[in-house]
């Protein structure tokens, strides 16, 4: 019997240099990320072993390195790169949903955040 599960990482917070404006690229800002990983967890349930599931510490470290070391103009592009990278890195992933938030974006008014949600499935 297969058990499909969802592994979630909620509100991972990083400092990155993403944005269209030069000030965002130079000064940087806070970015918040949610990840939903859909995968078969049957073997993990049976074995109770980390090797049979997605190691969320590795997921976090991937996010951290991508968000803090690379630069993107758009959070849409950042979300896509996160999803592609996770699917390439972890073969157990069937589908991933990525949400990237930019708190207090420079939109000329008061806004809590701007958020992009992207869903990607393995081919």
PDB file of N, CA and C in Angstrom:
ATOM      1  N   UNK A   1       0.840  -1.178   0.000  1.00  0.00           N
ATOM      2  CA  UNK A   1       0.000   0.000   0.000  1.00  0.00           C
ATOM      3  C   UNK A   1       0.887   1.244   0.000  1.00  0.00           C
ATOM      4  N   UNK A   2       0.607   2.172  -0.904  1.00  0.00           N
ATOM      5  CA  UNK A   2       1.366   3.418  -0.978  1.00  0.00           C
ATOM      6  C   UNK A   2       0.767   4.467  -0.057  1.00  0.00           C
ATOM      7  N   UNK A   3       1.626   5.209   0.583  1.00  0.00           N
ATOM      8  CA  UNK A   3       1.214   6.334   1.418  1.00  0.00           C
ATOM      9  C   UNK A   3       1.811   7.602   0.834  1.00  0.00           C
ATOM     10  N   UNK A   4       0.938   8.450   0.313  1.00  0.00           N
ATOM     11  CA  UNK A   4       1.413   9.731  -0.187  1.00  0.00           C
ATOM     12  C   UNK A   4       1.333  10.732   0.947  1.00  0.00           C
ATOM     13  N   UNK A   5       2.418  11.459   1.152  1.00  0.00           N
ATOM     14  CA  UNK A   5       2.466  12.439   2.230  1.00  0.00           C
ATOM     15  C   UNK A   5       2.861  13.804   1.709  1.00  0.00           C
ATOM     16  N   UNK A   6       2.673  14.776   2.567  1.00  0.00           N
ATOM     17  CA  UNK A   6       3.100  16.142   2.276  1.00  0.00           C
ATOM     18  C   UNK A   6       4.037  16.570   3.393  1.00  0.00           C
ATOM     19  N   UNK A   7       5.233  16.954   3.011  1.00  0.00           N
ATOM     20  CA  UNK A   7       6.203  17.500   3.958  1.00  0.00           C
ATOM     21  C   UNK A   7       6.197  19.008   3.757  1.00  0.00           C
ATOM     22  N   UNK A   8       5.956  19.743   4.833  1.00  0.00           N
ATOM     23  CA  UNK A   8       5.876  21.204   4.738  1.00  0.00           C
ATOM     24  C   UNK A   8       6.992  21.869   5.535  1.00  0.00           C
ATOM     25  N   UNK A   9       7.558  22.887   4.940  1.00  0.00           N
ATOM     26  CA  UNK A   9       8.436  23.813   5.655  1.00  0.00           C
ATOM     27  C   UNK A   9       7.722  25.155   5.571  1.00  0.00           C
ATOM     28  N   UNK A  10       7.414  25.727   6.734  1.00  0.00           N
ATOM     29  CA  UNK A  10       6.629  26.961   6.760  1.00  0.00           C
ATOM     30  C   UNK A  10       7.457  28.133   7.274  1.00  0.00           C
ATOM     31  N   UNK A  11       7.361  29.208   6.543  1.00  0.00           N
ATOM     32  CA  UNK A  11       7.929  30.492   6.934  1.00  0.00           C
ATOM     33  C   UNK A  11       9.431  30.450   7.210  1.00  0.00           C
ATOM     34  N   UNK A  12      10.169  29.810   6.320  1.00  0.00           N
ATOM     35  CA  UNK A  12      11.634  29.882   6.381  1.00  0.00           C
ATOM     36  C   UNK A  12      12.017  31.306   5.974  1.00  0.00           C
ATOM     37  N   UNK A  13      12.846  31.948   6.774  1.00  0.00           N
ATOM     38  CA  UNK A  13      13.158  33.363   6.570  1.00  0.00           C
ATOM     39  C   UNK A  13      14.627  33.528   6.210  1.00  0.00           C
ATOM     40  N   UNK A  14      14.867  34.298   5.144  1.00  0.00           N
ATOM     41  CA  UNK A  14      16.225  34.523   4.654  1.00  0.00           C
ATOM     42  C   UNK A  14      16.397  35.991   4.285  1.00  0.00           C
ATOM     43  N   UNK A  15      17.637  36.425   4.229  1.00  0.00           N
ATOM     44  CA  UNK A  15      17.969  37.762   3.749  1.00  0.00           C
ATOM     45  C   UNK A  15      18.591  37.597   2.370  1.00  0.00           C
ATOM     46  N   UNK A  16      17.987  38.236   1.377  1.00  0.00           N
ATOM     47  CA  UNK A  16      18.477  38.084   0.009  1.00  0.00           C
ATOM     48  C   UNK A  16      18.466  39.400  -0.740  1.00  0.00           C
ATOM     49  N   UNK A  17      18.976  39.364  -1.957  1.00  0.00           N
ATOM     50  CA  UNK A  17      19.142  40.568  -2.777  1.00  0.00           C
ATOM     51  C   UNK A  17      18.349  40.435  -4.072  1.00  0.00           C
ATOM     52  N   UNK A  18      17.040  40.331  -3.937  1.00  0.00           N
ATOM     53  CA  UNK A  18      16.161  40.107  -5.075  1.00  0.00           C
ATOM     54  C   UNK A  18      15.241  41.305  -5.249  1.00  0.00           C
ATOM     55  N   UNK A  19      15.013  41.687  -6.494  1.00  0.00           N
ATOM     56  CA  UNK A  19      14.092  42.775  -6.768  1.00  0.00           C
ATOM     57  C   UNK A  19      14.480  43.512  -8.032  1.00  0.00           C
ATOM     58  N   UNK A  20      13.534  44.261  -8.540  1.00  0.00           N
ATOM     59  CA  UNK A  20      13.731  45.018  -9.769  1.00  0.00           C
ATOM     60  C   UNK A  20      14.492  46.316  -9.488  1.00  0.00           C
ATOM     61  N   UNK A  21      14.259  46.904  -8.320  1.00  0.00           N
ATOM     62  CA  UNK A  21      14.882  48.186  -7.978  1.00  0.00           C
ATOM     63  C   UNK A  21      16.329  47.994  -7.538  1.00  0.00           C
ATOM     64  N   UNK A  22      17.177  48.917  -7.947  1.00  0.00           N
ATOM     65  CA  UNK A  22      18.597  48.870  -7.589  1.00  0.00           C
ATOM     66  C   UNK A  22      18.778  48.845  -6.075  1.00  0.00           C
ATOM     67  N   UNK A  23      17.950  49.596  -5.361  1.00  0.00           N
ATOM     68  CA  UNK A  23      18.064  49.629  -3.897  1.00  0.00           C
ATOM     69  C   UNK A  23      17.824  48.244  -3.290  1.00  0.00           C
ATOM     70  N   UNK A  24      16.898  47.477  -3.859  1.00  0.00           N
ATOM     71  CA  UNK A  24      16.643  46.115  -3.368  1.00  0.00           C
ATOM     72  C   UNK A  24      17.837  45.209  -3.648  1.00  0.00           C
ATOM     73  N   UNK A  25      18.437  45.388  -4.812  1.00  0.00           N
ATOM     74  CA  UNK A  25      19.577  44.551  -5.197  1.00  0.00           C
ATOM     75  C   UNK A  25      20.818  44.884  -4.376  1.00  0.00           C
ATOM     76  N   UNK A  26      20.961  46.154  -3.978  1.00  0.00           N
ATOM     77  CA  UNK A  26      22.138  46.566  -3.212  1.00  0.00           C
ATOM     78  C   UNK A  26      21.974  46.364  -1.707  1.00  0.00           C
ATOM     79  N   UNK A  27      20.817  46.747  -1.178  1.00  0.00           N
ATOM     80  CA  UNK A  27      20.599  46.680   0.273  1.00  0.00           C
ATOM     81  C   UNK A  27      20.031  45.345   0.720  1.00  0.00           C
ATOM     82  N   UNK A  28      19.309  44.679  -0.170  1.00  0.00           N
ATOM     83  CA  UNK A  28      18.705  43.400   0.181  1.00  0.00           C
ATOM     84  C   UNK A  28      17.455  43.568   1.017  1.00  0.00           C
ATOM     85  N   UNK A  29      16.884  42.443   1.374  1.00  0.00           N
ATOM     86  CA  UNK A  29      15.667  42.447   2.172  1.00  0.00           C
ATOM     87  C   UNK A  29      15.316  41.053   2.641  1.00  0.00           C
ATOM     88  N   UNK A  30      14.266  41.007   3.416  1.00  0.00           N
ATOM     89  CA  UNK A  30      13.791  39.755   4.000  1.00  0.00           C
ATOM     90  C   UNK A  30      12.873  39.040   3.005  1.00  0.00           C
ATOM     91  N   UNK A  31      13.032  37.724   2.938  1.00  0.00           N
ATOM     92  CA  UNK A  31      12.180  36.880   2.102  1.00  0.00           C
ATOM     93  C   UNK A  31      11.712  35.698   2.935  1.00  0.00           C
ATOM     94  N   UNK A  32      10.439  35.355   2.774  1.00  0.00           N
ATOM     95  CA  UNK A  32       9.843  34.246   3.517  1.00  0.00           C
ATOM     96  C   UNK A  32       9.410  33.179   2.512  1.00  0.00           C
ATOM     97  N   UNK A  33       9.641  31.925   2.863  1.00  0.00           N
ATOM     98  CA  UNK A  33       9.370  30.831   1.928  1.00  0.00           C
ATOM     99  C   UNK A  33       8.605  29.714   2.632  1.00  0.00           C
ATOM    100  N   UNK A  34       7.572  29.215   1.954  1.00  0.00           N
ATOM    101  CA  UNK A  34       6.857  28.001   2.363  1.00  0.00           C
ATOM    102  C   UNK A  34       7.057  26.971   1.265  1.00  0.00           C
ATOM    103  N   UNK A  35       7.268  25.735   1.668  1.00  0.00           N
ATOM    104  CA  UNK A  35       7.444  24.636   0.718  1.00  0.00           C
ATOM    105  C   UNK A  35       6.477  23.518   1.090  1.00  0.00           C
ATOM    106  N   UNK A  36       5.787  22.970   0.099  1.00  0.00           N
ATOM    107  CA  UNK A  36       4.989  21.745   0.267  1.00  0.00           C
ATOM    108  C   UNK A  36       5.556  20.712  -0.685  1.00  0.00           C
ATOM    109  N   UNK A  37       6.041  19.623  -0.129  1.00  0.00           N
ATOM    110  CA  UNK A  37       6.627  18.549  -0.926  1.00  0.00           C
ATOM    111  C   UNK A  37       5.685  17.353  -0.881  1.00  0.00           C
ATOM    112  N   UNK A  38       5.175  16.962  -2.036  1.00  0.00           N
ATOM    113  CA  UNK A  38       4.300  15.796  -2.144  1.00  0.00           C
ATOM    114  C   UNK A  38       5.163  14.617  -2.584  1.00  0.00           C
ATOM    115  N   UNK A  39       5.122  13.539  -1.798  1.00  0.00           N
ATOM    116  CA  UNK A  39       5.973  12.387  -2.113  1.00  0.00           C
ATOM    117  C   UNK A  39       5.400  11.114  -1.500  1.00  0.00           C
ATOM    118  N   UNK A  40       5.876   9.993  -2.013  1.00  0.00           N
ATOM    119  CA  UNK A  40       5.507   8.684  -1.483  1.00  0.00           C
ATOM    120  C   UNK A  40       6.326   8.454  -0.216  1.00  0.00           C
ATOM    121  N   UNK A  41       5.639   8.312   0.915  1.00  0.00           N
ATOM    122  CA  UNK A  41       6.336   8.106   2.184  1.00  0.00           C
ATOM    123  C   UNK A  41       6.183   6.670   2.703  1.00  0.00           C
ATOM    124  N   UNK A  42       5.752   5.766   1.831  1.00  0.00           N
ATOM    125  CA  UNK A  42       5.509   4.373   2.235  1.00  0.00           C
ATOM    126  C   UNK A  42       6.726   3.733   2.886  1.00  0.00           C
ATOM    127  N   UNK A  43       7.880   3.849   2.237  1.00  0.00           N
ATOM    128  CA  UNK A  43       9.099   3.227   2.770  1.00  0.00           C
ATOM    129  C   UNK A  43       9.528   3.873   4.082  1.00  0.00           C
ATOM    130  N   UNK A  44       9.368   5.175   4.189  1.00  0.00           N
ATOM    131  CA  UNK A  44       9.728   5.872   5.426  1.00  0.00           C
ATOM    132  C   UNK A  44       8.843   5.420   6.582  1.00  0.00           C
ATOM    133  N   UNK A  45       7.561   5.232   6.302  1.00  0.00           N
ATOM    134  CA  UNK A  45       6.625   4.774   7.329  1.00  0.00           C
ATOM    135  C   UNK A  45       7.014   3.380   7.823  1.00  0.00           C
ATOM    136  N   UNK A  46       7.375   2.504   6.897  1.00  0.00           N
ATOM    137  CA  UNK A  46       7.759   1.125   7.258  1.00  0.00           C
ATOM    138  C   UNK A  46       9.085   1.073   7.998  1.00  0.00           C
ATOM    139  N   UNK A  47      10.069   1.814   7.496  1.00  0.00           N
ATOM    140  CA  UNK A  47      11.438   1.675   8.006  1.00  0.00           C
ATOM    141  C   UNK A  47      11.777   2.633   9.143  1.00  0.00           C
ATOM    142  N   UNK A  48      11.026   3.719   9.259  1.00  0.00           N
ATOM    143  CA  UNK A  48      11.336   4.764  10.243  1.00  0.00           C
ATOM    144  C   UNK A  48      12.765   5.262  10.057  1.00  0.00           C
ATOM    145  N   UNK A  49      13.182   5.366   8.790  1.00  0.00           N
ATOM    146  CA  UNK A  49      14.553   5.746   8.461  1.00  0.00           C
ATOM    147  C   UNK A  49      14.575   6.995   7.585  1.00  0.00           C
ATOM    148  N   UNK A  50      15.447   7.919   7.929  1.00  0.00           N
ATOM    149  CA  UNK A  50      15.590   9.166   7.186  1.00  0.00           C
ATOM    150  C   UNK A  50      15.974   8.933   5.729  1.00  0.00           C
ATOM    151  N   UNK A  51      16.704   7.856   5.456  1.00  0.00           N
ATOM    152  CA  UNK A  51      17.145   7.605   4.076  1.00  0.00           C
ATOM    153  C   UNK A  51      15.980   7.297   3.135  1.00  0.00           C
ATOM    154  N   UNK A  52      14.800   7.003   3.685  1.00  0.00           N
ATOM    155  CA  UNK A  52      13.642   6.659   2.863  1.00  0.00           C
ATOM    156  C   UNK A  52      12.626   7.792   2.725  1.00  0.00           C
ATOM    157  N   UNK A  53      13.054   8.992   3.048  1.00  0.00           N
ATOM    158  CA  UNK A  53      12.160  10.141   2.915  1.00  0.00           C
ATOM    159  C   UNK A  53      12.963  11.344   2.435  1.00  0.00           C
ATOM    160  N   UNK A  54      12.345  12.498   2.450  1.00  0.00           N
ATOM    161  CA  UNK A  54      13.018  13.746   2.091  1.00  0.00           C
ATOM    162  C   UNK A  54      13.590  14.342   3.377  1.00  0.00           C
ATOM    163  N   UNK A  55      14.877  14.564   3.398  1.00  0.00           N
ATOM    164  CA  UNK A  55      15.545  15.157   4.561  1.00  0.00           C
ATOM    165  C   UNK A  55      15.303  16.666   4.520  1.00  0.00           C
ATOM    166  N   UNK A  56      14.447  17.159   5.412  1.00  0.00           N
ATOM    167  CA  UNK A  56      14.088  18.572   5.324  1.00  0.00           C
ATOM    168  C   UNK A  56      15.220  19.504   5.741  1.00  0.00           C
ATOM    169  N   UNK A  57      16.235  18.999   6.418  1.00  0.00           N
ATOM    170  CA  UNK A  57      17.421  19.820   6.669  1.00  0.00           C
ATOM    171  C   UNK A  57      18.148  20.099   5.347  1.00  0.00           C
ATOM    172  N   UNK A  58      18.207  19.093   4.473  1.00  0.00           N
ATOM    173  CA  UNK A  58      18.813  19.299   3.153  1.00  0.00           C
ATOM    174  C   UNK A  58      17.984  20.277   2.317  1.00  0.00           C
ATOM    175  N   UNK A  59      16.661  20.189   2.438  1.00  0.00           N
ATOM    176  CA  UNK A  59      15.786  21.128   1.725  1.00  0.00           C
ATOM    177  C   UNK A  59      16.068  22.550   2.211  1.00  0.00           C
ATOM    178  N   UNK A  60      16.120  22.725   3.526  1.00  0.00           N
ATOM    179  CA  UNK A  60      16.388  24.046   4.099  1.00  0.00           C
ATOM    180  C   UNK A  60      17.737  24.588   3.626  1.00  0.00           C
ATOM    181  N   UNK A  61      18.761  23.756   3.667  1.00  0.00           N
ATOM    182  CA  UNK A  61      20.092  24.199   3.243  1.00  0.00           C
ATOM    183  C   UNK A  61      20.122  24.584   1.765  1.00  0.00           C
ATOM    184  N   UNK A  62      19.367  23.856   0.933  1.00  0.00           N
ATOM    185  CA  UNK A  62      19.247  24.214  -0.486  1.00  0.00           C
ATOM    186  C   UNK A  62      18.601  25.596  -0.623  1.00  0.00           C
ATOM    187  N   UNK A  63      17.497  25.807   0.100  1.00  0.00           N
ATOM    188  CA  UNK A  63      16.822  27.105   0.065  1.00  0.00           C
ATOM    189  C   UNK A  63      17.769  28.220   0.492  1.00  0.00           C
ATOM    190  N   UNK A  64      18.437  27.998   1.602  1.00  0.00           N
ATOM    191  CA  UNK A  64      19.337  29.014   2.153  1.00  0.00           C
ATOM    192  C   UNK A  64      20.415  29.405   1.148  1.00  0.00           C
ATOM    193  N   UNK A  65      21.049  28.416   0.544  1.00  0.00           N
ATOM    194  CA  UNK A  65      22.135  28.740  -0.384  1.00  0.00           C
ATOM    195  C   UNK A  65      21.604  29.448  -1.633  1.00  0.00           C
ATOM    196  N   UNK A  66      20.472  29.011  -2.160  1.00  0.00           N
ATOM    197  CA  UNK A  66      19.919  29.642  -3.363  1.00  0.00           C
ATOM    198  C   UNK A  66      19.482  31.082  -3.076  1.00  0.00           C
ATOM    199  N   UNK A  67      18.760  31.276  -1.993  1.00  0.00           N
ATOM    200  CA  UNK A  67      18.180  32.589  -1.710  1.00  0.00           C
ATOM    201  C   UNK A  67      19.228  33.598  -1.258  1.00  0.00           C
ATOM    202  N   UNK A  68      20.237  33.151  -0.530  1.00  0.00           N
ATOM    203  CA  UNK A  68      21.229  34.098  -0.006  1.00  0.00           C
ATOM    204  C   UNK A  68      22.414  34.320  -0.941  1.00  0.00           C
ATOM    205  N   UNK A  69      22.657  33.404  -1.876  1.00  0.00           N
ATOM    206  CA  UNK A  69      23.839  33.519  -2.731  1.00  0.00           C
ATOM    207  C   UNK A  69      23.539  33.946  -4.168  1.00  0.00           C
ATOM    208  N   UNK A  70      22.307  33.779  -4.626  1.00  0.00           N
ATOM    209  CA  UNK A  70      21.929  34.157  -5.999  1.00  0.00           C
ATOM    210  C   UNK A  70      21.096  35.432  -5.961  1.00  0.00           C
ATOM    211  N   UNK A  71      20.933  36.065  -7.135  1.00  0.00           N
ATOM    212  CA  UNK A  71      20.101  37.263  -7.252  1.00  0.00           C
ATOM    213  C   UNK A  71      19.078  37.063  -8.365  1.00  0.00           C
ATOM    214  N   UNK A  72      17.845  37.466  -8.082  1.00  0.00           N
ATOM    215  CA  UNK A  72      16.766  37.408  -9.064  1.00  0.00           C
ATOM    216  C   UNK A  72      16.048  38.752  -9.078  1.00  0.00           C
ATOM    217  N   UNK A  73      15.594  39.167 -10.240  1.00  0.00           N
ATOM    218  CA  UNK A  73      14.776  40.371 -10.327  1.00  0.00           C
ATOM    219  C   UNK A  73      13.374  40.102  -9.783  1.00  0.00           C
ATOM    220  N   UNK A  74      12.830  38.930 -10.105  1.00  0.00           N
ATOM    221  CA  UNK A  74      11.439  38.618  -9.771  1.00  0.00           C
ATOM    222  C   UNK A  74      11.348  37.458  -8.787  1.00  0.00           C
ATOM    223  N   UNK A  75      10.404  37.565  -7.841  1.00  0.00           N
ATOM    224  CA  UNK A  75      10.202  36.430  -6.933  1.00  0.00           C
ATOM    225  C   UNK A  75       9.551  35.262  -7.677  1.00  0.00           C
ATOM    226  N   UNK A  76       8.922  35.544  -8.818  1.00  0.00           N
ATOM    227  CA  UNK A  76       8.402  34.458  -9.651  1.00  0.00           C
ATOM    228  C   UNK A  76       9.550  33.576 -10.147  1.00  0.00           C
ATOM    229  N   UNK A  77      10.632  34.210 -10.591  1.00  0.00           N
ATOM    230  CA  UNK A  77      11.803  33.462 -11.075  1.00  0.00           C
ATOM    231  C   UNK A  77      12.469  32.712  -9.927  1.00  0.00           C
ATOM    232  N   UNK A  78      12.536  33.334  -8.760  1.00  0.00           N
ATOM    233  CA  UNK A  78      13.105  32.672  -7.582  1.00  0.00           C
ATOM    234  C   UNK A  78      12.289  31.438  -7.212  1.00  0.00           C
ATOM    235  N   UNK A  79      10.967  31.567  -7.179  1.00  0.00           N
ATOM    236  CA  UNK A  79      10.100  30.433  -6.844  1.00  0.00           C
ATOM    237  C   UNK A  79      10.276  29.291  -7.841  1.00  0.00           C
ATOM    238  N   UNK A  80      10.376  29.619  -9.119  1.00  0.00           N
ATOM    239  CA  UNK A  80      10.569  28.597 -10.148  1.00  0.00           C
ATOM    240  C   UNK A  80      11.903  27.878  -9.975  1.00  0.00           C
ATOM    241  N   UNK A  81      12.951  28.628  -9.690  1.00  0.00           N
ATOM    242  CA  UNK A  81      14.279  28.027  -9.501  1.00  0.00           C
ATOM    243  C   UNK A  81      14.286  27.114  -8.274  1.00  0.00           C
ATOM    244  N   UNK A  82      13.579  27.510  -7.232  1.00  0.00           N
ATOM    245  CA  UNK A  82      13.468  26.667  -6.036  1.00  0.00           C
ATOM    246  C   UNK A  82      12.779  25.353  -6.398  1.00  0.00           C
ATOM    247  N   UNK A  83      11.634  25.439  -7.070  1.00  0.00           N
ATOM    248  CA  UNK A  83      10.870  24.239  -7.427  1.00  0.00           C
ATOM    249  C   UNK A  83      11.679  23.316  -8.331  1.00  0.00           C
ATOM    250  N   UNK A  84      12.296  23.878  -9.373  1.00  0.00           N
ATOM    251  CA  UNK A  84      13.113  23.071 -10.291  1.00  0.00           C
ATOM    252  C   UNK A  84      14.255  22.390  -9.550  1.00  0.00           C
ATOM    253  N   UNK A  85      14.927  23.147  -8.711  1.00  0.00           N
ATOM    254  CA  UNK A  85      16.067  22.609  -7.971  1.00  0.00           C
ATOM    255  C   UNK A  85      15.682  21.480  -7.037  1.00  0.00           C
ATOM    256  N   UNK A  86      14.547  21.628  -6.361  1.00  0.00           N
ATOM    257  CA  UNK A  86      14.106  20.575  -5.441  1.00  0.00           C
ATOM    258  C   UNK A  86      13.745  19.300  -6.198  1.00  0.00           C
ATOM    259  N   UNK A  87      13.046  19.446  -7.321  1.00  0.00           N
ATOM    260  CA  UNK A  87      12.673  18.269  -8.112  1.00  0.00           C
ATOM    261  C   UNK A  87      13.911  17.573  -8.665  1.00  0.00           C
ATOM    262  N   UNK A  88      14.899  18.351  -9.084  1.00  0.00           N
ATOM    263  CA  UNK A  88      16.146  17.754  -9.587  1.00  0.00           C
ATOM    264  C   UNK A  88      16.944  17.075  -8.474  1.00  0.00           C
ATOM    265  N   UNK A  89      16.965  17.673  -7.305  1.00  0.00           N
ATOM    266  CA  UNK A  89      17.801  17.193  -6.198  1.00  0.00           C
ATOM    267  C   UNK A  89      17.204  15.976  -5.481  1.00  0.00           C
ATOM    268  N   UNK A  90      15.884  15.910  -5.401  1.00  0.00           N
ATOM    269  CA  UNK A  90      15.224  14.852  -4.631  1.00  0.00           C
ATOM    270  C   UNK A  90      14.293  14.052  -5.539  1.00  0.00           C
ATOM    271  N   UNK A  91      14.714  12.853  -5.916  1.00  0.00           N
ATOM    272  CA  UNK A  91      13.926  12.071  -6.879  1.00  0.00           C
ATOM    273  C   UNK A  91      12.611  11.557  -6.307  1.00  0.00           C
ATOM    274  N   UNK A  92      12.442  11.560  -5.001  1.00  0.00           N
ATOM    275  CA  UNK A  92      11.181  11.114  -4.396  1.00  0.00           C
ATOM    276  C   UNK A  92      10.050  12.141  -4.555  1.00  0.00           C
ATOM    277  N   UNK A  93      10.402  13.377  -4.876  1.00  0.00           N
ATOM    278  CA  UNK A  93       9.381  14.427  -4.983  1.00  0.00           C
ATOM    279  C   UNK A  93       8.528  14.199  -6.227  1.00  0.00           C
ATOM    280  N   UNK A  94       7.207  14.141  -6.018  1.00  0.00           N
ATOM    281  CA  UNK A  94       6.253  14.019  -7.119  1.00  0.00           C
ATOM    282  C   UNK A  94       5.733  15.387  -7.553  1.00  0.00           C
ATOM    283  N   UNK A  95       5.541  16.246  -6.560  1.00  0.00           N
ATOM    284  CA  UNK A  95       5.030  17.595  -6.818  1.00  0.00           C
ATOM    285  C   UNK A  95       5.534  18.500  -5.701  1.00  0.00           C
ATOM    286  N   UNK A  96       5.784  19.753  -6.044  1.00  0.00           N
ATOM    287  CA  UNK A  96       6.201  20.721  -5.034  1.00  0.00           C
ATOM    288  C   UNK A  96       5.421  22.015  -5.240  1.00  0.00           C
ATOM    289  N   UNK A  97       5.022  22.608  -4.138  1.00  0.00           N
ATOM    290  CA  UNK A  97       4.384  23.922  -4.156  1.00  0.00           C
ATOM    291  C   UNK A  97       5.297  24.864  -3.381  1.00  0.00           C
ATOM    292  N   UNK A  98       5.635  25.975  -4.010  1.00  0.00           N
ATOM    293  CA  UNK A  98       6.552  26.947  -3.418  1.00  0.00           C
ATOM    294  C   UNK A  98       5.823  28.279  -3.280  1.00  0.00           C
ATOM    295  N   UNK A  99       5.912  28.873  -2.108  1.00  0.00           N
ATOM    296  CA  UNK A  99       5.404  30.226  -1.887  1.00  0.00           C
ATOM    297  C   UNK A  99       6.576  31.097  -1.447  1.00  0.00           C
ATOM    298  N   UNK A 100       6.770  32.209  -2.133  1.00  0.00           N
ATOM    299  CA  UNK A 100       7.812  33.169  -1.764  1.00  0.00           C
ATOM    300  C   UNK A 100       7.118  34.491  -1.453  1.00  0.00           C
ATOM    301  N   UNK A 101       7.418  35.032  -0.270  1.00  0.00           N
ATOM    302  CA  UNK A 101       6.854  36.314   0.149  1.00  0.00           C
ATOM    303  C   UNK A 101       7.955  37.360   0.301  1.00  0.00           C
ATOM    304  N   UNK A 102       7.608  38.570  -0.110  1.00  0.00           N
ATOM    305  CA  UNK A 102       8.478  39.731   0.098  1.00  0.00           C
ATOM    306  C   UNK A 102       7.704  40.688   1.009  1.00  0.00           C
ATOM    307  N   UNK A 103       8.081  40.762   2.295  1.00  0.00           N
ATOM    308  CA  UNK A 103       7.392  41.680   3.207  1.00  0.00           C
ATOM    309  C   UNK A 103       7.662  43.143   2.842  1.00  0.00           C
ATOM    310  N   UNK A 104       6.666  43.974   3.066  1.00  0.00           N
ATOM    311  CA  UNK A 104       6.767  45.424   2.851  1.00  0.00           C
ATOM    312  C   UNK A 104       7.436  45.782   1.523  1.00  0.00           C
ATOM    313  N   UNK A 105       6.884  45.308   0.405  1.00  0.00           N
ATOM    314  CA  UNK A 105       7.508  45.588  -0.893  1.00  0.00           C
ATOM    315  C   UNK A 105       7.380  47.069  -1.260  1.00  0.00           C
ATOM    316  N   UNK A 106       8.288  47.558  -2.092  1.00  0.00           N
ATOM    317  CA  UNK A 106       8.236  48.967  -2.494  1.00  0.00           C
ATOM    318  C   UNK A 106       7.180  49.198  -3.581  1.00  0.00           C
ATOM    319  N   UNK A 107       5.930  49.366  -3.155  1.00  0.00           N
ATOM    320  CA  UNK A 107       4.833  49.547  -4.114  1.00  0.00           C
ATOM    321  C   UNK A 107       4.192  50.931  -4.018  1.00  0.00           C
ATOM    322  N   UNK A 108       4.777  51.802  -3.212  1.00  0.00           N
ATOM    323  CA  UNK A 108       4.236  53.150  -3.091  1.00  0.00           C
ATOM    324  C   UNK A 108       3.102  53.276  -2.095  1.00  0.00           C
ATOM    325  N   UNK A 109       2.914  52.265  -1.271  1.00  0.00           N
ATOM    326  CA  UNK A 109       1.869  52.286  -0.254  1.00  0.00           C
ATOM    327  C   UNK A 109       2.121  51.208   0.776  1.00  0.00           C
ATOM    328  N   UNK A 110       1.189  51.097   1.708  1.00  0.00           N
ATOM    329  CA  UNK A 110       1.337  50.122   2.787  1.00  0.00           C
ATOM    330  C   UNK A 110       0.757  48.778   2.347  1.00  0.00           C
ATOM    331  N   UNK A 111       1.626  47.775   2.290  1.00  0.00           N
ATOM    332  CA  UNK A 111       1.237  46.414   1.927  1.00  0.00           C
ATOM    333  C   UNK A 111       1.982  45.474   2.863  1.00  0.00           C
ATOM    334  N   UNK A 112       1.277  44.524   3.433  1.00  0.00           N
ATOM    335  CA  UNK A 112       1.922  43.563   4.326  1.00  0.00           C
ATOM    336  C   UNK A 112       3.014  42.788   3.598  1.00  0.00           C
ATOM    337  N   UNK A 113       2.650  42.227   2.437  1.00  0.00           N
ATOM    338  CA  UNK A 113       3.628  41.478   1.653  1.00  0.00           C
ATOM    339  C   UNK A 113       3.081  41.234   0.253  1.00  0.00           C
ATOM    340  N   UNK A 114       3.970  40.818  -0.620  1.00  0.00           N
ATOM    341  CA  UNK A 114       3.594  40.294  -1.930  1.00  0.00           C
ATOM    342  C   UNK A 114       4.023  38.837  -1.926  1.00  0.00           C
ATOM    343  N   UNK A 115       3.155  37.961  -2.425  1.00  0.00           N
ATOM    344  CA  UNK A 115       3.451  36.524  -2.407  1.00  0.00           C
ATOM    345  C   UNK A 115       3.203  35.923  -3.780  1.00  0.00           C
ATOM    346  N   UNK A 116       4.113  35.046  -4.173  1.00  0.00           N
ATOM    347  CA  UNK A 116       3.948  34.267  -5.397  1.00  0.00           C
ATOM    348  C   UNK A 116       3.861  32.803  -4.998  1.00  0.00           C
ATOM    349  N   UNK A 117       2.902  32.092  -5.574  1.00  0.00           N
ATOM    350  CA  UNK A 117       2.783  30.648  -5.357  1.00  0.00           C
ATOM    351  C   UNK A 117       2.960  29.949  -6.690  1.00  0.00           C
ATOM    352  N   UNK A 118       3.796  28.920  -6.689  1.00  0.00           N
ATOM    353  CA  UNK A 118       4.092  28.181  -7.912  1.00  0.00           C
ATOM    354  C   UNK A 118       4.012  26.687  -7.609  1.00  0.00           C
ATOM    355  N   UNK A 119       3.383  25.943  -8.495  1.00  0.00           N
ATOM    356  CA  UNK A 119       3.290  24.483  -8.359  1.00  0.00           C
ATOM    357  C   UNK A 119       4.015  23.844  -9.535  1.00  0.00           C
ATOM    358  N   UNK A 120       4.832  22.844  -9.231  1.00  0.00           N
ATOM    359  CA  UNK A 120       5.563  22.142 -10.288  1.00  0.00           C
ATOM    360  C   UNK A 120       5.493  20.641 -10.018  1.00  0.00           C
ATOM    361  N   UNK A 121       5.229  19.876 -11.082  1.00  0.00           N
ATOM    362  CA  UNK A 121       5.167  18.415 -10.984  1.00  0.00           C
ATOM    363  C   UNK A 121       6.325  17.798 -11.742  1.00  0.00           C
ATOM    364  N   UNK A 122       6.736  16.648 -11.262  1.00  0.00           N
ATOM    365  CA  UNK A 122       7.759  15.883 -11.974  1.00  0.00           C
ATOM    366  C   UNK A 122       7.154  15.387 -13.282  1.00  0.00           C
ATOM    367  N   UNK A 123       7.923  15.441 -14.374  1.00  0.00           N
ATOM    368  CA  UNK A 123       7.436  14.959 -15.686  1.00  0.00           C
ATOM    369  C   UNK A 123       7.229  13.465 -15.685  1.00  0.00           C
TER     370      UNK A 123
END
